Amino acid sequence: MRYLRSTFWIGLYFIVAVAPLLAMLVDPPPGRGFWREFSVAIGFAGLSMMGLQFFITGRFKILTAPYGIDVVYHFHRNISLVAFAFILLHAVVLLAASPELLHLLQPATAPWWMVVGVIGLLAFVVVILSSLFRQGLGLHYELWRLLHGYLSLAAVVLSVAHVVGVGYYTESPVKQGVWLVMVAAWGLALVYVRLCKSFVSWYRPYVVEEVRPEHGQSWTLRLRPEGHAGMAFKAGQFAWLTLEKLPFAIREHPFSFSSSAMQSGAVEMTIKELGDFTAGIGRVAPGTRAYLDGPYGSFVLDEREAPGFCFVAGGVGISPIMSMLRTMADRHDRRPVVLFYGSKNPASITFREELEELEKRLNLKVVHTLGDPPPDWTGERGRLSAELMARYLPENRMQLEYFICGPVPMQKAMQQVVARLGLLPEKIHSESFNFV
């Protein structure tokens, strides 16, 4: 069923993306040469794909469920580059094939539809470059999101205005109808994401009940629902968190739940001091108003039937793993679990004491491996390898389900490790919040 749903959404995406091209074939006007028509076709396809990004980034659970929201966001990042290439090629091919059109670029005499088209193209350039080089440019996440959101909207609106202004392929009712339906759908998706969902979060606020320090420069925020029952989630899922500001402000960040999914009411998120927002997470005062949008993610135990599990965590990637272990403990789940946990040194092992307690409550074996161990360390050292894992995994390791969460370099390294172990791809589950 999951395969059918994923295939359906991919097929629907392709159909909508090429809808303007199909509309071009209905009662076509006189041709103007292959390359000129080709440039129009790829421009239409690129604009259609850009408009669809409002759906892809809209966190529609019915859309993200078959893949996992991190996969959907990475698809958004990559397919946007393809769409931008199409739009850029539209301009380049058109001017190369019809150099007589260059006079339309003169600011003093250019028609309005050419002016808005050029401005829209420049807006797309800024959106793409600021996304690719955000960290190198020193853009704070909140400023980048604000810039990204409003400039993307402006670029799409200006590009549609350009298409309507040119008018060559939007004169017939069918073609006008196609563009009208598409633009209306993009607008409704935007209204739903930025207004409707924000209103839902606004009416379901939380209060920071506790800010608890953890090892490894991490903090656990305990959030108590105010005026409602709270949020039911599955172990391993996450939500977007907004602190202090109203949910309408673009100040939200994704964090995994670290508390048990069996506990009702208050939820906990464990956050490491890393970026612009998280650097001050330990200074959040109890009583601070908070809002959650979620839960999201397919990095969950409940959808997998297995005789046992292997968890691989690096740094604060232990947060969703802790939610899984706490949930299993509350359920009295005795299936065997092996946890490989990579840290820099003993002081950076988040939840170290609780993991020792969970080894007593669960059928759990915790294997710590340190990158910078002290001289008296008797445990594993260095990076996690296939040989190291093989020493601790049970004989039925091919039947286990594997959950991997941690920094991007660790996850890339683990791809080679699991390949050397001969594990089946469908048994491997990973999640990354490196959306930008």
Protein backbone atom coordinates (compact mmCIF):
# COMPACT_ATOMS: atom_id res chain seq x y z
CA MET A 1 0.00 0.00 0.00
CA ARG A 2 2.82 2.41 0.84
CA TYR A 3 4.46 1.67 -2.51
CA LEU A 4 1.19 2.39 -4.33
CA ARG A 5 0.75 5.70 -2.51
CA SER A 6 4.30 6.80 -3.25
CA THR A 7 3.91 5.86 -6.93
CA PHE A 8 0.60 7.75 -7.09
CA TRP A 9 2.09 11.00 -5.78
CA ILE A 10 5.08 10.76 -8.13
CA GLY A 11 2.76 10.21 -11.08
CA LEU A 12 0.49 13.07 -10.05
CA TYR A 13 3.49 15.39 -9.67
CA PHE A 14 4.64 14.56 -13.19
CA ILE A 15 1.16 15.10 -14.68
CA VAL A 16 0.72 18.50 -13.01
CA ALA A 17 4.24 19.57 -13.93
CA VAL A 18 3.62 18.95 -17.64
CA ALA A 19 0.00 20.20 -17.64
CA PRO A 20 0.94 23.59 -19.19
CA LEU A 21 2.85 21.76 -21.93
CA LEU A 22 -0.18 19.60 -22.71
CA ALA A 23 -2.34 22.74 -22.78
CA MET A 24 -0.01 24.20 -25.44
CA LEU A 25 -1.12 21.40 -27.78
CA VAL A 26 -4.78 22.42 -27.57
CA ASP A 27 -5.64 24.66 -30.54
CA PRO A 28 -2.00 25.76 -30.97
CA PRO A 29 -1.20 29.11 -32.61
CA PRO A 30 1.17 29.23 -35.60
CA GLY A 31 4.60 27.79 -34.84
CA ARG A 32 7.61 30.06 -34.48
CA GLY A 33 10.46 27.62 -34.92
CA PHE A 34 11.60 24.63 -32.87
CA TRP A 35 14.01 26.34 -30.48
CA ARG A 36 11.64 29.18 -29.68
CA GLU A 37 8.82 26.76 -28.93
CA PHE A 38 11.23 24.55 -26.98
CA SER A 39 12.22 27.49 -24.81
CA VAL A 40 8.57 28.22 -24.05
CA ALA A 41 7.94 24.56 -23.17
CA ILE A 42 10.79 24.29 -20.67
CA GLY A 43 9.86 27.67 -19.21
CA PHE A 44 6.28 26.50 -18.62
CA ALA A 45 7.54 23.26 -17.09
CA GLY A 46 9.98 25.09 -14.81
CA LEU A 47 7.31 27.53 -13.59
CA SER A 48 4.84 24.71 -12.98
CA MET A 49 7.47 22.81 -10.96
CA MET A 50 8.27 25.94 -8.94
CA GLY A 51 4.60 26.46 -8.11
CA LEU A 52 4.34 22.86 -6.93
CA GLN A 53 6.96 23.60 -4.27
CA PHE A 54 4.22 25.27 -2.22
CA PHE A 55 2.66 21.80 -1.89
CA ILE A 56 5.92 19.92 -1.39
CA THR A 57 6.96 22.16 1.52
CA GLY A 58 3.44 22.41 2.95
CA ARG A 59 3.87 19.46 5.37
CA PHE A 60 0.76 17.73 4.06
CA LYS A 61 0.85 14.46 5.99
CA ILE A 62 -0.95 12.53 3.26
CA LEU A 63 1.87 13.53 0.90
CA THR A 64 4.84 13.02 3.21
CA ALA A 65 3.71 9.75 4.84
CA PRO A 66 4.95 7.36 2.10
CA TYR A 67 8.46 8.85 2.05
CA GLY A 68 9.24 10.67 5.29
CA ILE A 69 9.26 14.44 5.47
CA ASP A 70 13.06 14.69 5.37
CA VAL A 71 13.06 12.86 2.02
CA VAL A 72 10.34 15.19 0.73
CA TYR A 73 12.32 18.26 1.76
CA HIS A 74 15.49 16.95 0.11
CA PHE A 75 13.43 16.29 -3.02
CA HIS A 76 12.21 19.89 -2.82
CA ARG A 77 15.77 21.14 -2.67
CA ASN A 78 16.93 19.09 -5.66
CA ILE A 79 13.87 19.45 -7.88
CA SER A 80 13.93 23.23 -7.33
CA LEU A 81 17.38 23.29 -8.89
CA VAL A 82 16.00 21.42 -11.91
CA ALA A 83 13.05 23.81 -12.17
CA PHE A 84 15.36 26.82 -11.92
CA ALA A 85 17.58 25.37 -14.66
CA PHE A 86 14.50 25.05 -16.90
CA ILE A 87 13.50 28.68 -16.26
CA LEU A 88 17.03 29.92 -16.86
CA LEU A 89 17.31 27.85 -20.05
CA HIS A 90 14.01 29.34 -21.22
CA ALA A 91 15.57 32.80 -21.26
CA VAL A 92 18.92 31.68 -22.69
CA VAL A 93 17.52 29.49 -25.47
CA LEU A 94 14.86 32.06 -26.41
CA LEU A 95 17.37 34.88 -26.84
CA ALA A 96 19.87 32.64 -28.62
CA ALA A 97 17.24 31.40 -31.07
CA SER A 98 15.63 34.82 -31.57
CA PRO A 99 18.27 37.53 -31.05
CA GLU A 100 15.87 40.09 -32.48
CA LEU A 101 14.06 39.95 -29.12
CA LEU A 102 17.05 41.49 -27.31
CA HIS A 103 15.56 44.96 -27.78
CA LEU A 104 12.80 43.93 -25.36
CA LEU A 105 15.39 44.02 -22.58
CA GLN A 106 16.05 47.75 -22.92
CA PRO A 107 14.69 49.30 -19.68
CA ALA A 108 13.35 52.45 -21.34
CA THR A 109 11.24 50.67 -23.96
CA ALA A 110 10.67 47.19 -22.51
CA PRO A 111 6.99 46.15 -22.23
CA TRP A 112 5.68 45.58 -18.69
CA TRP A 113 5.48 41.81 -19.11
CA MET A 114 9.18 41.65 -19.96
CA VAL A 115 10.08 43.81 -16.95
CA VAL A 116 8.19 41.58 -14.52
CA GLY A 117 9.65 38.49 -16.19
CA VAL A 118 13.22 39.71 -15.69
CA ILE A 119 12.51 40.71 -12.08
CA GLY A 120 10.95 37.29 -11.45
CA LEU A 121 14.03 35.57 -12.89
CA LEU A 122 16.33 37.65 -10.70
CA ALA A 123 14.19 36.77 -7.66
CA PHE A 124 14.61 33.07 -8.46
CA VAL A 125 18.38 33.61 -8.73
CA VAL A 126 18.48 35.15 -5.24
CA VAL A 127 16.30 32.34 -3.81
CA ILE A 128 18.52 29.61 -5.24
CA LEU A 129 21.88 31.21 -4.38
CA SER A 130 20.82 32.11 -0.83
CA SER A 131 19.68 28.52 -0.28
CA LEU A 132 22.82 26.92 -1.66
CA PHE A 133 25.21 29.24 0.18
CA ARG A 134 23.24 30.28 3.26
CA GLN A 135 25.93 29.34 5.75
CA GLY A 136 28.74 30.77 3.64
CA LEU A 137 26.83 34.04 3.32
CA GLY A 138 26.30 34.15 7.08
CA LEU A 139 22.50 34.28 6.78
CA HIS A 140 20.69 33.44 10.01
CA TYR A 141 18.10 30.71 9.60
CA GLU A 142 15.14 32.97 10.45
CA LEU A 143 16.26 35.69 8.03
CA TRP A 144 16.87 33.11 5.31
CA ARG A 145 13.39 31.60 5.77
CA LEU A 146 11.79 35.03 5.57
CA LEU A 147 13.75 35.88 2.44
CA HIS A 148 13.17 32.46 0.93
CA GLY A 149 9.41 32.48 1.49
CA TYR A 150 8.56 35.98 0.29
CA LEU A 151 10.98 36.03 -2.62
CA SER A 152 9.76 32.63 -3.83
CA LEU A 153 6.17 33.88 -3.76
CA ALA A 154 7.12 37.08 -5.57
CA ALA A 155 9.10 35.18 -8.19
CA VAL A 156 6.20 32.83 -8.98
CA VAL A 157 3.63 35.67 -9.11
CA LEU A 158 5.82 37.78 -11.39
CA SER A 159 6.52 34.80 -13.65
CA VAL A 160 2.81 34.04 -14.01
CA ALA A 161 2.20 37.71 -14.81
CA HIS A 162 4.91 37.43 -17.47
CA VAL A 163 3.16 34.42 -19.05
CA VAL A 164 -0.21 36.18 -19.04
CA GLY A 165 1.34 39.37 -20.43
CA VAL A 166 2.99 37.60 -23.34
CA GLY A 167 -0.36 35.96 -24.01
CA TYR A 168 0.73 33.79 -26.93
CA TYR A 169 -0.18 30.52 -25.24
CA THR A 170 -2.85 31.77 -22.83
CA GLU A 171 -5.44 33.14 -25.25
CA SER A 172 -7.80 30.16 -25.44
CA PRO A 173 -10.23 29.36 -22.56
CA VAL A 174 -8.65 25.90 -22.03
CA LYS A 175 -5.18 27.32 -21.53
CA GLN A 176 -6.43 30.11 -19.34
CA GLY A 177 -8.33 27.53 -17.30
CA VAL A 178 -5.23 25.39 -16.77
CA TRP A 179 -3.20 28.32 -15.48
CA LEU A 180 -6.10 29.62 -13.38
CA VAL A 181 -6.58 26.25 -11.65
CA MET A 182 -2.86 25.84 -11.03
CA VAL A 183 -2.39 29.35 -9.63
CA ALA A 184 -5.50 28.98 -7.44
CA ALA A 185 -4.18 25.65 -6.10
CA TRP A 186 -0.78 27.17 -5.31
CA GLY A 187 -2.47 30.06 -3.52
CA LEU A 188 -4.73 27.77 -1.47
CA ALA A 189 -1.73 25.66 -0.45
CA LEU A 190 0.06 28.79 0.72
CA VAL A 191 -2.97 30.03 2.66
CA TYR A 192 -3.37 26.64 4.32
CA VAL A 193 0.27 26.44 5.37
CA ARG A 194 0.85 30.01 6.50
CA LEU A 195 -2.60 30.84 7.94
CA CYS A 196 -4.80 27.80 8.62
CA LYS A 197 -2.11 25.66 10.23
CA SER A 198 -0.82 28.64 12.21
CA PHE A 199 -4.32 29.29 13.56
CA VAL A 200 -4.56 25.65 14.70
CA SER A 201 -1.24 25.97 16.56
CA TRP A 202 -2.33 29.31 18.04
CA TYR A 203 -5.41 27.72 19.61
CA ARG A 204 -3.33 24.83 21.00
CA PRO A 205 -0.50 26.54 22.90
CA TYR A 206 2.09 24.98 25.20
CA VAL A 207 4.03 26.34 28.15
CA VAL A 208 7.66 25.51 28.89
CA GLU A 209 7.36 23.67 32.20
CA GLU A 210 11.02 22.77 32.67
CA VAL A 211 14.41 23.38 31.05
CA ARG A 212 16.69 20.53 32.12
CA PRO A 213 20.44 20.42 31.36
CA GLU A 214 21.81 17.23 29.80
CA HIS A 215 25.31 16.01 28.99
CA GLY A 216 26.82 17.05 25.67
CA GLN A 217 25.73 20.71 25.72
CA SER A 218 22.11 19.65 25.36
CA TRP A 219 18.92 20.72 27.08
CA THR A 220 15.57 19.02 27.51
CA LEU A 221 12.50 21.22 27.20
CA ARG A 222 9.38 19.87 28.86
CA LEU A 223 6.29 21.39 27.25
CA ARG A 224 2.90 21.28 28.97
CA PRO A 225 -0.27 21.74 26.90
CA GLU A 226 -2.39 24.68 27.93
CA GLY A 227 -6.14 24.32 27.55
CA HIS A 228 -6.03 21.10 25.52
CA ALA A 229 -5.07 17.43 25.88
CA GLY A 230 -1.75 17.69 24.05
CA MET A 231 -0.29 15.95 21.03
CA ALA A 232 -0.29 12.21 20.39
CA PHE A 233 2.84 11.11 18.53
CA LYS A 234 4.73 7.96 17.63
CA ALA A 235 8.15 7.27 19.06
CA GLY A 236 10.72 8.70 16.64
CA GLN A 237 8.58 11.53 15.28
CA PHE A 238 9.25 15.27 15.53
CA ALA A 239 7.48 18.63 15.44
CA TRP A 240 8.25 22.21 14.51
CA LEU A 241 8.74 24.30 17.64
CA THR A 242 8.07 28.04 17.98
CA LEU A 243 9.09 29.78 21.22
CA GLU A 244 7.79 33.13 22.48
CA LYS A 245 6.67 34.36 19.05
CA LEU A 246 3.21 33.65 17.62
CA PRO A 247 3.07 30.68 15.20
CA PHE A 248 2.42 33.12 12.32
CA ALA A 249 6.02 34.32 12.63
CA ILE A 250 8.59 32.35 10.65
CA ARG A 251 10.60 31.37 13.74
CA GLU A 252 9.97 27.64 13.90
CA HIS A 253 12.54 24.84 14.05
CA PRO A 254 12.19 21.03 13.79
CA PHE A 255 13.08 18.93 16.85
CA SER A 256 12.47 15.28 17.72
CA PHE A 257 10.45 14.21 20.72
CA SER A 258 12.63 12.51 23.29
CA SER A 259 9.84 11.55 25.72
CA SER A 260 7.86 8.32 25.66
CA ALA A 261 4.96 8.15 23.23
CA MET A 262 2.99 6.35 25.96
CA GLN A 263 2.85 9.41 28.20
CA SER A 264 -0.08 11.74 27.70
CA GLY A 265 -0.06 15.49 28.16
CA ALA A 266 3.39 17.04 28.43
CA VAL A 267 6.05 16.24 25.83
CA GLU A 268 9.82 16.60 25.90
CA MET A 269 12.35 17.64 23.26
CA THR A 270 16.11 17.37 23.77
CA ILE A 271 18.04 20.05 21.88
CA LYS A 272 21.79 20.48 21.42
CA GLU A 273 23.46 23.91 21.35
CA LEU A 274 24.50 24.09 17.71
CA GLY A 275 23.01 26.86 15.56
CA ASP A 276 21.65 30.38 15.78
CA PHE A 277 18.46 29.42 17.59
CA THR A 278 19.74 26.52 19.69
CA ALA A 279 22.75 28.42 21.07
CA GLY A 280 20.45 30.11 23.58
CA ILE A 281 18.11 27.19 24.26
CA GLY A 282 19.40 26.83 27.83
CA ARG A 283 18.31 30.40 28.60
CA VAL A 284 14.66 29.73 27.81
CA ALA A 285 12.69 30.55 30.95
CA PRO A 286 10.03 28.23 32.39
CA GLY A 287 6.64 29.73 31.66
CA THR A 288 7.58 30.73 28.10
CA ARG A 289 4.74 30.27 25.61
CA ALA A 290 5.42 27.68 22.90
CA TYR A 291 3.65 26.29 19.85
CA LEU A 292 4.03 22.94 18.10
CA ASP A 293 3.23 21.90 14.54
CA GLY A 294 3.23 18.16 14.19
CA PRO A 295 3.78 15.33 14.64
CA TYR A 296 5.72 14.47 11.48
CA GLY A 297 8.08 11.77 10.31
CA SER A 298 8.06 8.10 9.31
CA PHE A 299 11.15 7.30 11.42
CA VAL A 300 8.99 5.24 13.79
CA LEU A 301 8.94 1.83 15.43
CA ASP A 302 5.22 1.19 15.23
CA GLU A 303 5.17 0.50 11.49
CA ARG A 304 7.86 -2.19 11.69
CA GLU A 305 7.33 -5.75 12.85
CA ALA A 306 10.70 -7.24 13.71
CA PRO A 307 12.25 -9.73 16.16
CA GLY A 308 14.62 -6.98 17.33
CA PHE A 309 16.21 -3.64 16.55
CA CYS A 310 19.56 -1.98 16.04
CA PHE A 311 19.81 1.75 16.79
CA VAL A 312 22.74 3.87 15.62
CA ALA A 313 22.99 7.39 17.07
CA GLY A 314 25.52 10.18 16.88
CA GLY A 315 25.43 13.25 19.11
CA VAL A 316 21.95 14.63 19.68
CA GLY A 317 20.65 12.06 17.17
CA ILE A 318 20.01 10.08 20.33
CA SER A 319 16.81 12.13 20.95
CA PRO A 320 14.37 10.14 18.77
CA ILE A 321 16.15 6.94 19.80
CA MET A 322 15.51 7.79 23.46
CA SER A 323 11.83 8.26 22.65
CA MET A 324 11.82 4.75 21.15
CA LEU A 325 13.63 3.21 24.13
CA ARG A 326 11.43 4.97 26.70
CA THR A 327 8.33 3.90 24.77
CA MET A 328 9.51 0.29 24.66
CA ALA A 329 10.18 0.41 28.41
CA ASP A 330 6.69 1.75 29.13
CA ARG A 331 5.23 -1.00 26.93
CA HIS A 332 7.36 -3.69 28.63
CA ASP A 333 8.66 -4.63 25.18
CA ARG A 334 11.33 -7.31 25.65
CA ARG A 335 12.51 -7.60 22.06
CA PRO A 336 16.33 -7.37 21.90
CA VAL A 337 17.91 -4.01 21.03
CA VAL A 338 21.52 -3.08 20.30
CA LEU A 339 22.35 0.64 20.49
CA PHE A 340 25.58 1.96 18.97
CA TYR A 341 26.13 5.48 20.27
CA GLY A 342 28.98 7.65 18.96
CA SER A 343 30.20 10.57 21.09
CA LYS A 344 33.33 12.69 21.44
CA ASN A 345 34.14 11.84 25.07
CA PRO A 346 32.36 10.54 28.21
CA ALA A 347 31.18 14.02 29.19
CA SER A 348 29.35 14.42 25.87
CA ILE A 349 27.27 11.23 26.16
CA THR A 350 23.72 12.56 26.46
CA PHE A 351 21.43 10.41 28.65
CA ARG A 352 24.37 8.25 29.78
CA GLU A 353 22.95 7.49 33.24
CA GLU A 354 19.44 6.81 31.94
CA LEU A 355 20.77 4.49 29.26
CA GLU A 356 22.42 2.45 32.02
CA GLU A 357 19.06 2.21 33.78
CA LEU A 358 17.29 1.26 30.56
CA GLU A 359 19.72 -1.63 30.10
CA LYS A 360 18.22 -3.06 33.27
CA ARG A 361 14.60 -2.50 32.21
CA LEU A 362 14.94 -3.61 28.59
CA ASN A 363 16.66 -6.36 26.66
CA LEU A 364 19.16 -3.68 25.65
CA LYS A 365 22.88 -3.63 24.91
CA VAL A 366 24.47 -0.16 24.68
CA VAL A 367 27.80 0.13 22.84
CA HIS A 368 29.52 3.48 23.27
CA THR A 369 32.27 4.47 20.86
CA LEU A 370 34.29 7.62 21.53
CA GLY A 371 36.19 9.79 19.08
CA ASP A 372 38.41 11.37 21.76
CA PRO A 373 38.45 8.92 24.68
CA PRO A 374 40.42 9.46 27.90
CA PRO A 375 43.39 7.16 28.64
CA ASP A 376 41.37 5.04 31.08
CA TRP A 377 38.49 4.41 28.64
CA THR A 378 37.90 0.67 28.21
CA GLY A 379 35.12 0.84 25.65
CA GLU A 380 35.16 1.13 21.87
CA ARG A 381 37.14 3.88 20.16
CA GLY A 382 36.99 5.71 16.86
CA ARG A 383 34.36 5.61 14.17
CA LEU A 384 31.73 2.95 13.93
CA SER A 385 32.76 0.24 11.48
CA ALA A 386 31.22 -2.88 10.03
CA GLU A 387 33.71 -5.01 11.97
CA LEU A 388 32.80 -3.31 15.25
CA MET A 389 29.07 -3.73 14.67
CA ALA A 390 29.48 -7.37 13.67
CA ARG A 391 31.02 -8.13 17.07
CA TYR A 392 27.84 -7.07 18.87
CA LEU A 393 25.01 -7.84 16.45
CA PRO A 394 23.15 -11.13 16.96
CA GLU A 395 23.23 -14.00 14.49
CA ASN A 396 19.85 -12.99 13.08
CA ARG A 397 21.10 -9.48 12.23
CA MET A 398 19.56 -9.70 8.74
CA GLN A 399 16.09 -9.82 10.33
CA LEU A 400 16.54 -6.75 12.52
CA GLU A 401 15.26 -3.27 11.71
CA TYR A 402 17.98 -0.58 11.73
CA PHE A 403 17.36 3.03 12.75
CA ILE A 404 20.12 5.59 12.13
CA CYS A 405 20.03 9.21 13.30
CA GLY A 406 22.90 11.67 13.60
CA PRO A 407 24.99 14.26 11.75
CA VAL A 408 25.12 14.09 7.95
CA PRO A 409 28.78 12.89 7.83
CA MET A 410 27.92 10.02 10.16
CA GLN A 411 24.92 9.02 8.06
CA LYS A 412 27.00 9.05 4.88
CA ALA A 413 29.64 6.90 6.54
CA MET A 414 26.95 4.49 7.72
CA GLN A 415 25.87 3.88 4.13
CA GLN A 416 29.18 2.14 3.51
CA VAL A 417 29.01 0.31 6.84
CA VAL A 418 25.57 -1.21 6.24
CA ALA A 419 26.62 -2.16 2.70
CA ARG A 420 29.63 -4.06 4.07
CA LEU A 421 27.37 -5.82 6.54
CA GLY A 422 25.17 -6.94 3.64
CA LEU A 423 22.00 -5.49 5.15
CA LEU A 424 18.90 -5.13 3.01
CA PRO A 425 18.03 -1.50 2.10
CA GLU A 426 14.42 -1.95 3.20
CA LYS A 427 15.66 -2.72 6.72
CA ILE A 428 17.51 0.61 7.01
CA HIS A 429 15.67 3.71 8.27
CA SER A 430 17.33 7.08 8.70
CA GLU A 431 16.33 10.67 9.28
CA SER A 432 18.11 13.94 8.79
CA PHE A 433 17.07 17.53 9.60
CA ASN A 434 19.64 19.04 7.26
CA PHE A 435 16.91 20.65 5.18
CA VAL A 436 18.93 23.71 4.10
